[in-house]
């Protein structure tokens, strides 16, 4: 999957916003001001949140991704040439994790996912 197709997928999610908070060409995707996906500026990998450090470790052990540098242990980094279905699944799972923790009033203002 290309950077452009990942960005297109993230931009289609209700309430998603793109930013480059660190400068240098990162694509950081947020919902409600909270990050759910980021593509690095230099080593084009997609980092996404999992539900726990244990899940992240399991996915790393299974070869799905690697430890996401500079992020919490519950995040994994996946190469953009990984299985497209796995990338889609991980983006949506990360989005839902973040969206579900937003205040109810903020969630209510978003279109259904």
PDB file of N, CA and C in Angstrom:
ATOM      1  N   UNK A   1       0.855  -1.165   0.000  1.00  0.00           N
ATOM      2  CA  UNK A   1       0.000   0.000   0.000  1.00  0.00           C
ATOM      3  C   UNK A   1       0.905   1.233   0.000  1.00  0.00           C
ATOM      4  N   UNK A   2       0.529   2.236  -0.716  1.00  0.00           N
ATOM      5  CA  UNK A   2       1.340   3.449  -0.782  1.00  0.00           C
ATOM      6  C   UNK A   2       0.978   4.400   0.351  1.00  0.00           C
ATOM      7  N   UNK A   3       1.857   5.356   0.574  1.00  0.00           N
ATOM      8  CA  UNK A   3       1.595   6.406   1.561  1.00  0.00           C
ATOM      9  C   UNK A   3       0.285   7.119   1.217  1.00  0.00           C
ATOM     10  N   UNK A   4       0.083   7.375  -0.058  1.00  0.00           N
ATOM     11  CA  UNK A   4      -1.119   8.074  -0.508  1.00  0.00           C
ATOM     12  C   UNK A   4      -2.387   7.273  -0.216  1.00  0.00           C
ATOM     13  N   UNK A   5      -2.346   5.962  -0.429  1.00  0.00           N
ATOM     14  CA  UNK A   5      -3.541   5.155  -0.175  1.00  0.00           C
ATOM     15  C   UNK A   5      -3.824   5.026   1.323  1.00  0.00           C
ATOM     16  N   UNK A   6      -2.772   4.958   2.135  1.00  0.00           N
ATOM     17  CA  UNK A   6      -2.972   4.937   3.588  1.00  0.00           C
ATOM     18  C   UNK A   6      -3.572   6.266   4.035  1.00  0.00           C
ATOM     19  N   UNK A   7      -3.041   7.364   3.510  1.00  0.00           N
ATOM     20  CA  UNK A   7      -3.576   8.673   3.858  1.00  0.00           C
ATOM     21  C   UNK A   7      -5.028   8.820   3.407  1.00  0.00           C
ATOM     22  N   UNK A   8      -5.352   8.293   2.240  1.00  0.00           N
ATOM     23  CA  UNK A   8      -6.731   8.355   1.757  1.00  0.00           C
ATOM     24  C   UNK A   8      -7.662   7.567   2.677  1.00  0.00           C
ATOM     25  N   UNK A   9      -7.209   6.411   3.131  1.00  0.00           N
ATOM     26  CA  UNK A   9      -8.015   5.599   4.032  1.00  0.00           C
ATOM     27  C   UNK A   9      -8.240   6.322   5.355  1.00  0.00           C
ATOM     28  N   UNK A  10      -7.189   6.895   5.904  1.00  0.00           N
ATOM     29  CA  UNK A  10      -7.304   7.611   7.180  1.00  0.00           C
ATOM     30  C   UNK A  10      -8.189   8.841   7.038  1.00  0.00           C
ATOM     31  N   UNK A  11      -8.066   9.553   5.922  1.00  0.00           N
ATOM     32  CA  UNK A  11      -8.852  10.782   5.742  1.00  0.00           C
ATOM     33  C   UNK A  11     -10.338  10.491   5.598  1.00  0.00           C
ATOM     34  N   UNK A  12     -10.692   9.276   5.181  1.00  0.00           N
ATOM     35  CA  UNK A  12     -12.098   8.914   5.008  1.00  0.00           C
ATOM     36  C   UNK A  12     -12.797   8.593   6.332  1.00  0.00           C
ATOM     37  N   UNK A  13     -12.037   8.441   7.408  1.00  0.00           N
ATOM     38  CA  UNK A  13     -12.641   8.110   8.699  1.00  0.00           C
ATOM     39  C   UNK A  13     -13.263   9.358   9.318  1.00  0.00           C
ATOM     40  N   UNK A  14     -14.475   9.242   9.877  1.00  0.00           N
ATOM     41  CA  UNK A  14     -15.180  10.401  10.426  1.00  0.00           C
ATOM     42  C   UNK A  14     -14.369  11.151  11.489  1.00  0.00           C
ATOM     43  N   UNK A  15     -14.230  12.448  11.277  1.00  0.00           N
ATOM     44  CA  UNK A  15     -13.547  13.304  12.244  1.00  0.00           C
ATOM     45  C   UNK A  15     -12.035  13.269  12.175  1.00  0.00           C
ATOM     46  N   UNK A  16     -11.480  12.559  11.201  1.00  0.00           N
ATOM     47  CA  UNK A  16     -10.012  12.453  11.139  1.00  0.00           C
ATOM     48  C   UNK A  16      -9.397  13.752  10.639  1.00  0.00           C
ATOM     49  N   UNK A  17      -8.226  14.045  11.188  1.00  0.00           N
ATOM     50  CA  UNK A  17      -7.490  15.249  10.816  1.00  0.00           C
ATOM     51  C   UNK A  17      -6.034  14.883  10.622  1.00  0.00           C
ATOM     52  N   UNK A  18      -5.403  15.503   9.626  1.00  0.00           N
ATOM     53  CA  UNK A  18      -3.988  15.254   9.351  1.00  0.00           C
ATOM     54  C   UNK A  18      -3.164  16.431   9.827  1.00  0.00           C
ATOM     55  N   UNK A  19      -2.010  16.122  10.409  1.00  0.00           N
ATOM     56  CA  UNK A  19      -1.092  17.181  10.828  1.00  0.00           C
ATOM     57  C   UNK A  19       0.338  16.663  10.743  1.00  0.00           C
ATOM     58  N   UNK A  20       1.281  17.554  10.939  1.00  0.00           N
ATOM     59  CA  UNK A  20       2.702  17.199  10.993  1.00  0.00           C
ATOM     60  C   UNK A  20       3.276  17.871  12.243  1.00  0.00           C
ATOM     61  N   UNK A  21       2.954  17.329  13.429  1.00  0.00           N
ATOM     62  CA  UNK A  21       3.308  18.003  14.682  1.00  0.00           C
ATOM     63  C   UNK A  21       4.804  18.117  14.949  1.00  0.00           C
ATOM     64  N   UNK A  22       5.611  17.277  14.345  1.00  0.00           N
ATOM     65  CA  UNK A  22       7.047  17.295  14.590  1.00  0.00           C
ATOM     66  C   UNK A  22       7.818  17.926  13.439  1.00  0.00           C
ATOM     67  N   UNK A  23       7.123  18.283  12.381  1.00  0.00           N
ATOM     68  CA  UNK A  23       7.770  18.842  11.203  1.00  0.00           C
ATOM     69  C   UNK A  23       8.525  17.775  10.435  1.00  0.00           C
ATOM     70  N   UNK A  24       8.962  18.109   9.269  1.00  0.00           N
ATOM     71  CA  UNK A  24       9.795  17.196   8.508  1.00  0.00           C
ATOM     72  C   UNK A  24       9.072  16.217   7.617  1.00  0.00           C
ATOM     73  N   UNK A  25       7.743  16.277   7.526  1.00  0.00           N
ATOM     74  CA  UNK A  25       7.033  15.424   6.591  1.00  0.00           C
ATOM     75  C   UNK A  25       6.323  14.215   7.157  1.00  0.00           C
ATOM     76  N   UNK A  26       6.019  14.201   8.439  1.00  0.00           N
ATOM     77  CA  UNK A  26       5.212  13.117   9.013  1.00  0.00           C
ATOM     78  C   UNK A  26       3.753  13.293   8.605  1.00  0.00           C
ATOM     79  N   UNK A  27       3.039  12.206   8.454  1.00  0.00           N
ATOM     80  CA  UNK A  27       1.590  12.244   8.290  1.00  0.00           C
ATOM     81  C   UNK A  27       1.004  11.680   9.569  1.00  0.00           C
ATOM     82  N   UNK A  28       0.505  12.568  10.404  1.00  0.00           N
ATOM     83  CA  UNK A  28      -0.041  12.182  11.700  1.00  0.00           C
ATOM     84  C   UNK A  28      -1.559  12.326  11.632  1.00  0.00           C
ATOM     85  N   UNK A  29      -2.264  11.225  11.879  1.00  0.00           N
ATOM     86  CA  UNK A  29      -3.718  11.215  11.805  1.00  0.00           C
ATOM     87  C   UNK A  29      -4.309  11.185  13.197  1.00  0.00           C
ATOM     88  N   UNK A  30      -5.257  12.097  13.426  1.00  0.00           N
ATOM     89  CA  UNK A  30      -5.880  12.234  14.738  1.00  0.00           C
ATOM     90  C   UNK A  30      -7.395  12.241  14.596  1.00  0.00           C
ATOM     91  N   UNK A  31      -8.052  11.832  15.679  1.00  0.00           N
ATOM     92  CA  UNK A  31      -9.495  12.004  15.819  1.00  0.00           C
ATOM     93  C   UNK A  31      -9.711  12.601  17.203  1.00  0.00           C
ATOM     94  N   UNK A  32     -10.472  13.682  17.268  1.00  0.00           N
ATOM     95  CA  UNK A  32     -10.683  14.355  18.542  1.00  0.00           C
ATOM     96  C   UNK A  32      -9.398  14.852  19.169  1.00  0.00           C
ATOM     97  N   UNK A  33      -8.398  15.160  18.351  1.00  0.00           N
ATOM     98  CA  UNK A  33      -7.120  15.645  18.842  1.00  0.00           C
ATOM     99  C   UNK A  33      -6.175  14.562  19.340  1.00  0.00           C
ATOM    100  N   UNK A  34      -6.566  13.300  19.222  1.00  0.00           N
ATOM    101  CA  UNK A  34      -5.749  12.171  19.698  1.00  0.00           C
ATOM    102  C   UNK A  34      -5.260  11.361  18.498  1.00  0.00           C
ATOM    103  N   UNK A  35      -3.983  11.043  18.499  1.00  0.00           N
ATOM    104  CA  UNK A  35      -3.357  10.337  17.382  1.00  0.00           C
ATOM    105  C   UNK A  35      -3.791   8.870  17.313  1.00  0.00           C
ATOM    106  N   UNK A  36      -4.146   8.422  16.090  1.00  0.00           N
ATOM    107  CA  UNK A  36      -4.452   7.011  15.878  1.00  0.00           C
ATOM    108  C   UNK A  36      -3.544   6.358  14.838  1.00  0.00           C
ATOM    109  N   UNK A  37      -2.853   7.145  14.036  1.00  0.00           N
ATOM    110  CA  UNK A  37      -1.927   6.587  13.037  1.00  0.00           C
ATOM    111  C   UNK A  37      -0.912   7.644  12.657  1.00  0.00           C
ATOM    112  N   UNK A  38       0.290   7.187  12.342  1.00  0.00           N
ATOM    113  CA  UNK A  38       1.322   8.118  11.879  1.00  0.00           C
ATOM    114  C   UNK A  38       2.259   7.389  10.922  1.00  0.00           C
ATOM    115  N   UNK A  39       2.610   8.091   9.853  1.00  0.00           N
ATOM    116  CA  UNK A  39       3.604   7.589   8.909  1.00  0.00           C
ATOM    117  C   UNK A  39       4.837   8.456   9.086  1.00  0.00           C
ATOM    118  N   UNK A  40       5.975   7.813   9.277  1.00  0.00           N
ATOM    119  CA  UNK A  40       7.222   8.529   9.496  1.00  0.00           C
ATOM    120  C   UNK A  40       7.659   9.336   8.294  1.00  0.00           C
ATOM    121  N   UNK A  41       8.478  10.321   8.552  1.00  0.00           N
ATOM    122  CA  UNK A  41       8.980  11.183   7.485  1.00  0.00           C
ATOM    123  C   UNK A  41      10.085  10.505   6.688  1.00  0.00           C
ATOM    124  N   UNK A  42      10.914   9.720   7.365  1.00  0.00           N
ATOM    125  CA  UNK A  42      12.080   9.157   6.696  1.00  0.00           C
ATOM    126  C   UNK A  42      11.962   7.663   6.421  1.00  0.00           C
ATOM    127  N   UNK A  43      11.447   6.906   7.355  1.00  0.00           N
ATOM    128  CA  UNK A  43      11.373   5.447   7.181  1.00  0.00           C
ATOM    129  C   UNK A  43       9.923   5.023   7.010  1.00  0.00           C
ATOM    130  N   UNK A  44       9.331   5.364   5.954  1.00  0.00           N
ATOM    131  CA  UNK A  44       7.908   5.212   5.718  1.00  0.00           C
ATOM    132  C   UNK A  44       7.315   3.916   6.261  1.00  0.00           C
ATOM    133  N   UNK A  45       7.015   3.957   7.547  1.00  0.00           N
ATOM    134  CA  UNK A  45       6.291   2.872   8.208  1.00  0.00           C
ATOM    135  C   UNK A  45       5.056   3.477   8.850  1.00  0.00           C
ATOM    136  N   UNK A  46       4.012   2.686   8.939  1.00  0.00           N
ATOM    137  CA  UNK A  46       2.773   3.111   9.556  1.00  0.00           C
ATOM    138  C   UNK A  46       2.757   2.642  11.004  1.00  0.00           C
ATOM    139  N   UNK A  47       2.624   3.565  11.931  1.00  0.00           N
ATOM    140  CA  UNK A  47       2.515   3.218  13.346  1.00  0.00           C
ATOM    141  C   UNK A  47       1.070   3.376  13.777  1.00  0.00           C
ATOM    142  N   UNK A  48       0.569   2.359  14.477  1.00  0.00           N
ATOM    143  CA  UNK A  48      -0.820   2.346  14.946  1.00  0.00           C
ATOM    144  C   UNK A  48      -0.867   1.849  16.386  1.00  0.00           C
ATOM    145  N   UNK A  49      -1.922   2.226  17.080  1.00  0.00           N
ATOM    146  CA  UNK A  49      -2.111   1.834  18.472  1.00  0.00           C
ATOM    147  C   UNK A  49      -2.813   0.479  18.530  1.00  0.00           C
ATOM    148  N   UNK A  50      -2.404  -0.339  19.500  1.00  0.00           N
ATOM    149  CA  UNK A  50      -3.113  -1.576  19.810  1.00  0.00           C
ATOM    150  C   UNK A  50      -3.767  -1.401  21.172  1.00  0.00           C
ATOM    151  N   UNK A  51      -4.545  -2.373  21.598  1.00  0.00           N
ATOM    152  CA  UNK A  51      -5.265  -2.228  22.861  1.00  0.00           C
ATOM    153  C   UNK A  51      -4.403  -2.389  24.101  1.00  0.00           C
ATOM    154  N   UNK A  52      -3.180  -2.902  23.938  1.00  0.00           N
ATOM    155  CA  UNK A  52      -2.324  -3.093  25.108  1.00  0.00           C
ATOM    156  C   UNK A  52      -0.889  -3.388  24.671  1.00  0.00           C
ATOM    157  N   UNK A  53       0.066  -3.209  25.591  1.00  0.00           N
ATOM    158  CA  UNK A  53       1.439  -3.607  25.276  1.00  0.00           C
ATOM    159  C   UNK A  53       1.551  -5.106  24.983  1.00  0.00           C
ATOM    160  N   UNK A  54       0.712  -5.906  25.614  1.00  0.00           N
ATOM    161  CA  UNK A  54       0.739  -7.358  25.375  1.00  0.00           C
ATOM    162  C   UNK A  54       0.306  -7.690  23.947  1.00  0.00           C
ATOM    163  N   UNK A  55      -0.724  -7.012  23.468  1.00  0.00           N
ATOM    164  CA  UNK A  55      -1.168  -7.233  22.083  1.00  0.00           C
ATOM    165  C   UNK A  55      -0.086  -6.788  21.115  1.00  0.00           C
ATOM    166  N   UNK A  56       0.522  -5.646  21.392  1.00  0.00           N
ATOM    167  CA  UNK A  56       1.610  -5.173  20.534  1.00  0.00           C
ATOM    168  C   UNK A  56       2.737  -6.194  20.496  1.00  0.00           C
ATOM    169  N   UNK A  57       3.108  -6.726  21.649  1.00  0.00           N
ATOM    170  CA  UNK A  57       4.187  -7.719  21.714  1.00  0.00           C
ATOM    171  C   UNK A  57       3.816  -8.979  20.931  1.00  0.00           C
ATOM    172  N   UNK A  58       2.570  -9.413  21.040  1.00  0.00           N
ATOM    173  CA  UNK A  58       2.118 -10.586  20.296  1.00  0.00           C
ATOM    174  C   UNK A  58       2.228 -10.344  18.790  1.00  0.00           C
ATOM    175  N   UNK A  59       1.815  -9.159  18.336  1.00  0.00           N
ATOM    176  CA  UNK A  59       1.889  -8.831  16.912  1.00  0.00           C
ATOM    177  C   UNK A  59       3.337  -8.724  16.441  1.00  0.00           C
ATOM    178  N   UNK A  60       4.190  -8.206  17.292  1.00  0.00           N
ATOM    179  CA  UNK A  60       5.620  -8.134  16.957  1.00  0.00           C
ATOM    180  C   UNK A  60       6.198  -9.541  16.857  1.00  0.00           C
ATOM    181  N   UNK A  61       5.869 -10.396  17.828  1.00  0.00           N
ATOM    182  CA  UNK A  61       6.349 -11.786  17.798  1.00  0.00           C
ATOM    183  C   UNK A  61       5.838 -12.541  16.578  1.00  0.00           C
ATOM    184  N   UNK A  62       4.624 -12.213  16.128  1.00  0.00           N
ATOM    185  CA  UNK A  62       4.027 -12.872  14.963  1.00  0.00           C
ATOM    186  C   UNK A  62       4.567 -12.306  13.646  1.00  0.00           C
ATOM    187  N   UNK A  63       5.378 -11.258  13.720  1.00  0.00           N
ATOM    188  CA  UNK A  63       5.964 -10.680  12.519  1.00  0.00           C
ATOM    189  C   UNK A  63       5.075  -9.677  11.800  1.00  0.00           C
ATOM    190  N   UNK A  64       3.972  -9.264  12.434  1.00  0.00           N
ATOM    191  CA  UNK A  64       3.067  -8.305  11.810  1.00  0.00           C
ATOM    192  C   UNK A  64       3.693  -6.914  11.772  1.00  0.00           C
ATOM    193  N   UNK A  65       4.436  -6.579  12.805  1.00  0.00           N
ATOM    194  CA  UNK A  65       5.057  -5.262  12.879  1.00  0.00           C
ATOM    195  C   UNK A  65       6.264  -5.281  13.786  1.00  0.00           C
ATOM    196  N   UNK A  66       6.778  -4.104  14.036  1.00  0.00           N
ATOM    197  CA  UNK A  66       7.926  -3.918  14.918  1.00  0.00           C
ATOM    198  C   UNK A  66       7.549  -2.907  15.990  1.00  0.00           C
ATOM    199  N   UNK A  67       8.399  -2.796  16.978  1.00  0.00           N
ATOM    200  CA  UNK A  67       8.202  -1.784  18.018  1.00  0.00           C
ATOM    201  C   UNK A  67       8.215  -0.412  17.350  1.00  0.00           C
ATOM    202  N   UNK A  68       7.242   0.411  17.664  1.00  0.00           N
ATOM    203  CA  UNK A  68       7.177   1.764  17.116  1.00  0.00           C
ATOM    204  C   UNK A  68       8.072   2.677  17.944  1.00  0.00           C
ATOM    205  N   UNK A  69       9.142   3.128  17.338  1.00  0.00           N
ATOM    206  CA  UNK A  69      10.080   4.000  18.050  1.00  0.00           C
ATOM    207  C   UNK A  69       9.388   5.272  18.516  1.00  0.00           C
ATOM    208  N   UNK A  70       9.774   5.739  19.696  1.00  0.00           N
ATOM    209  CA  UNK A  70       9.329   6.998  20.281  1.00  0.00           C
ATOM    210  C   UNK A  70       7.877   6.985  20.760  1.00  0.00           C
ATOM    211  N   UNK A  71       7.166   5.882  20.576  1.00  0.00           N
ATOM    212  CA  UNK A  71       5.774   5.801  21.006  1.00  0.00           C
ATOM    213  C   UNK A  71       5.631   4.781  22.130  1.00  0.00           C
ATOM    214  N   UNK A  72       4.501   4.817  22.798  1.00  0.00           N
ATOM    215  CA  UNK A  72       4.213   3.895  23.903  1.00  0.00           C
ATOM    216  C   UNK A  72       4.309   2.447  23.427  1.00  0.00           C
ATOM    217  N   UNK A  73       4.530   1.544  24.353  1.00  0.00           N
ATOM    218  CA  UNK A  73       4.699   0.117  24.038  1.00  0.00           C
ATOM    219  C   UNK A  73       3.454  -0.518  23.436  1.00  0.00           C
ATOM    220  N   UNK A  74       2.315   0.165  23.487  1.00  0.00           N
ATOM    221  CA  UNK A  74       1.095  -0.382  22.891  1.00  0.00           C
ATOM    222  C   UNK A  74       0.991  -0.049  21.399  1.00  0.00           C
ATOM    223  N   UNK A  75       1.993   0.608  20.848  1.00  0.00           N
ATOM    224  CA  UNK A  75       2.006   0.951  19.426  1.00  0.00           C
ATOM    225  C   UNK A  75       2.943   0.017  18.660  1.00  0.00           C
ATOM    226  N   UNK A  76       2.562  -0.291  17.416  1.00  0.00           N
ATOM    227  CA  UNK A  76       3.438  -1.061  16.527  1.00  0.00           C
ATOM    228  C   UNK A  76       3.645  -0.275  15.238  1.00  0.00           C
ATOM    229  N   UNK A  77       4.746  -0.550  14.571  1.00  0.00           N
ATOM    230  CA  UNK A  77       5.047   0.047  13.275  1.00  0.00           C
ATOM    231  C   UNK A  77       5.047  -1.058  12.228  1.00  0.00           C
ATOM    232  N   UNK A  78       4.349  -0.801  11.137  1.00  0.00           N
ATOM    233  CA  UNK A  78       4.229  -1.778  10.060  1.00  0.00           C
ATOM    234  C   UNK A  78       4.770  -1.182   8.763  1.00  0.00           C
ATOM    235  N   UNK A  79       5.445  -1.985   7.957  1.00  0.00           N
ATOM    236  CA  UNK A  79       5.894  -1.470   6.658  1.00  0.00           C
ATOM    237  C   UNK A  79       4.686  -1.216   5.754  1.00  0.00           C
ATOM    238  N   UNK A  80       4.785  -0.213   4.909  1.00  0.00           N
ATOM    239  CA  UNK A  80       3.669   0.105   4.019  1.00  0.00           C
ATOM    240  C   UNK A  80       3.415  -0.986   2.990  1.00  0.00           C
ATOM    241  N   UNK A  81       4.407  -1.860   2.772  1.00  0.00           N
ATOM    242  CA  UNK A  81       4.189  -2.956   1.820  1.00  0.00           C
ATOM    243  C   UNK A  81       3.671  -4.221   2.508  1.00  0.00           C
ATOM    244  N   UNK A  82       3.223  -4.094   3.755  1.00  0.00           N
ATOM    245  CA  UNK A  82       2.600  -5.222   4.463  1.00  0.00           C
ATOM    246  C   UNK A  82       1.279  -5.567   3.771  1.00  0.00           C
ATOM    247  N   UNK A  83       0.695  -6.675   4.167  1.00  0.00           N
ATOM    248  CA  UNK A  83      -0.582  -7.113   3.614  1.00  0.00           C
ATOM    249  C   UNK A  83      -1.606  -5.975   3.726  1.00  0.00           C
ATOM    250  N   UNK A  84      -2.205  -5.547   2.608  1.00  0.00           N
ATOM    251  CA  UNK A  84      -3.151  -4.428   2.644  1.00  0.00           C
ATOM    252  C   UNK A  84      -4.337  -4.656   3.586  1.00  0.00           C
ATOM    253  N   UNK A  85      -4.828  -5.889   3.662  1.00  0.00           N
ATOM    254  CA  UNK A  85      -5.944  -6.172   4.569  1.00  0.00           C
ATOM    255  C   UNK A  85      -5.528  -6.004   6.025  1.00  0.00           C
ATOM    256  N   UNK A  86      -4.306  -6.405   6.342  1.00  0.00           N
ATOM    257  CA  UNK A  86      -3.797  -6.236   7.708  1.00  0.00           C
ATOM    258  C   UNK A  86      -3.620  -4.755   8.033  1.00  0.00           C
ATOM    259  N   UNK A  87      -3.094  -3.983   7.097  1.00  0.00           N
ATOM    260  CA  UNK A  87      -2.956  -2.543   7.311  1.00  0.00           C
ATOM    261  C   UNK A  87      -4.320  -1.894   7.554  1.00  0.00           C
ATOM    262  N   UNK A  88      -5.300  -2.225   6.721  1.00  0.00           N
ATOM    263  CA  UNK A  88      -6.659  -1.686   6.891  1.00  0.00           C
ATOM    264  C   UNK A  88      -7.211  -2.030   8.267  1.00  0.00           C
ATOM    265  N   UNK A  89      -7.073  -3.304   8.626  1.00  0.00           N
ATOM    266  CA  UNK A  89      -7.584  -3.766   9.922  1.00  0.00           C
ATOM    267  C   UNK A  89      -6.932  -2.999  11.073  1.00  0.00           C
ATOM    268  N   UNK A  90      -5.628  -2.845  11.023  1.00  0.00           N
ATOM    269  CA  UNK A  90      -4.903  -2.167  12.109  1.00  0.00           C
ATOM    270  C   UNK A  90      -5.250  -0.683  12.179  1.00  0.00           C
ATOM    271  N   UNK A  91      -5.437  -0.028  11.030  1.00  0.00           N
ATOM    272  CA  UNK A  91      -5.831   1.383  11.023  1.00  0.00           C
ATOM    273  C   UNK A  91      -7.211   1.533  11.667  1.00  0.00           C
ATOM    274  N   UNK A  92      -8.154   0.696  11.248  1.00  0.00           N
ATOM    275  CA  UNK A  92      -9.508   0.788  11.796  1.00  0.00           C
ATOM    276  C   UNK A  92      -9.547   0.447  13.278  1.00  0.00           C
ATOM    277  N   UNK A  93      -8.790  -0.555  13.690  1.00  0.00           N
ATOM    278  CA  UNK A  93      -8.762  -0.930  15.109  1.00  0.00           C
ATOM    279  C   UNK A  93      -8.176   0.212  15.945  1.00  0.00           C
ATOM    280  N   UNK A  94      -7.112   0.834  15.463  1.00  0.00           N
ATOM    281  CA  UNK A  94      -6.493   1.941  16.178  1.00  0.00           C
ATOM    282  C   UNK A  94      -7.458   3.128  16.257  1.00  0.00           C
ATOM    283  N   UNK A  95      -8.096   3.440  15.153  1.00  0.00           N
ATOM    284  CA  UNK A  95      -9.075   4.528  15.108  1.00  0.00           C
ATOM    285  C   UNK A  95     -10.187   4.291  16.135  1.00  0.00           C
ATOM    286  N   UNK A  96     -10.722   3.090  16.133  1.00  0.00           N
ATOM    287  CA  UNK A  96     -11.820   2.772  17.068  1.00  0.00           C
ATOM    288  C   UNK A  96     -11.371   2.865  18.525  1.00  0.00           C
ATOM    289  N   UNK A  97     -10.163   2.385  18.813  1.00  0.00           N
ATOM    290  CA  UNK A  97      -9.637   2.478  20.185  1.00  0.00           C
ATOM    291  C   UNK A  97      -9.595   3.933  20.648  1.00  0.00           C
ATOM    292  N   UNK A  98      -9.088   4.800  19.805  1.00  0.00           N
ATOM    293  CA  UNK A  98      -8.970   6.213  20.160  1.00  0.00           C
ATOM    294  C   UNK A  98     -10.344   6.864  20.218  1.00  0.00           C
ATOM    295  N   UNK A  99     -11.158   6.635  19.208  1.00  0.00           N
ATOM    296  CA  UNK A  99     -12.497   7.244  19.157  1.00  0.00           C
ATOM    297  C   UNK A  99     -13.339   6.836  20.354  1.00  0.00           C
ATOM    298  N   UNK A 100     -13.279   5.566  20.738  1.00  0.00           N
ATOM    299  CA  UNK A 100     -14.100   5.073  21.847  1.00  0.00           C
ATOM    300  C   UNK A 100     -13.704   5.660  23.199  1.00  0.00           C
ATOM    301  N   UNK A 101     -12.510   6.233  23.287  1.00  0.00           N
ATOM    302  CA  UNK A 101     -12.065   6.842  24.549  1.00  0.00           C
ATOM    303  C   UNK A 101     -12.304   8.352  24.590  1.00  0.00           C
ATOM    304  N   UNK A 102     -12.803   8.893  23.498  1.00  0.00           N
ATOM    305  CA  UNK A 102     -13.117  10.321  23.481  1.00  0.00           C
ATOM    306  C   UNK A 102     -14.326  10.588  24.365  1.00  0.00           C
ATOM    307  N   UNK A 103     -14.470  11.813  24.863  1.00  0.00           N
ATOM    308  CA  UNK A 103     -15.670  12.148  25.633  1.00  0.00           C
ATOM    309  C   UNK A 103     -16.935  11.870  24.809  1.00  0.00           C
ATOM    310  N   UNK A 104     -17.969  11.418  25.465  1.00  0.00           N
ATOM    311  CA  UNK A 104     -19.220  11.035  24.775  1.00  0.00           C
ATOM    312  C   UNK A 104     -19.776  12.175  23.922  1.00  0.00           C
ATOM    313  N   UNK A 105     -19.680  13.390  24.422  1.00  0.00           N
ATOM    314  CA  UNK A 105     -20.192  14.537  23.672  1.00  0.00           C
ATOM    315  C   UNK A 105     -19.430  14.710  22.367  1.00  0.00           C
ATOM    316  N   UNK A 106     -18.129  14.518  22.398  1.00  0.00           N
ATOM    317  CA  UNK A 106     -17.315  14.613  21.184  1.00  0.00           C
ATOM    318  C   UNK A 106     -17.628  13.458  20.236  1.00  0.00           C
ATOM    319  N   UNK A 107     -17.775  12.258  20.776  1.00  0.00           N
ATOM    320  CA  UNK A 107     -18.138  11.109  19.947  1.00  0.00           C
ATOM    321  C   UNK A 107     -19.474  11.323  19.245  1.00  0.00           C
ATOM    322  N   UNK A 108     -20.425  11.893  19.975  1.00  0.00           N
ATOM    323  CA  UNK A 108     -21.763  12.110  19.418  1.00  0.00           C
ATOM    324  C   UNK A 108     -21.743  13.068  18.227  1.00  0.00           C
ATOM    325  N   UNK A 109     -20.751  13.955  18.181  1.00  0.00           N
ATOM    326  CA  UNK A 109     -20.652  14.900  17.086  1.00  0.00           C
ATOM    327  C   UNK A 109     -19.998  14.333  15.838  1.00  0.00           C
ATOM    328  N   UNK A 110     -19.520  13.099  15.903  1.00  0.00           N
ATOM    329  CA  UNK A 110     -18.869  12.465  14.749  1.00  0.00           C
ATOM    330  C   UNK A 110     -19.846  11.579  14.012  1.00  0.00           C
ATOM    331  N   UNK A 111     -19.684  11.490  12.715  1.00  0.00           N
ATOM    332  CA  UNK A 111     -20.485  10.554  11.932  1.00  0.00           C
ATOM    333  C   UNK A 111     -20.153   9.126  12.381  1.00  0.00           C
ATOM    334  N   UNK A 112     -21.087   8.193  12.203  1.00  0.00           N
ATOM    335  CA  UNK A 112     -20.787   6.792  12.553  1.00  0.00           C
ATOM    336  C   UNK A 112     -19.594   6.273  11.754  1.00  0.00           C
ATOM    337  N   UNK A 113     -18.794   5.443  12.405  1.00  0.00           N
ATOM    338  CA  UNK A 113     -17.600   4.885  11.747  1.00  0.00           C
ATOM    339  C   UNK A 113     -17.984   3.719  10.859  1.00  0.00           C
TER     340      UNK A 113
END
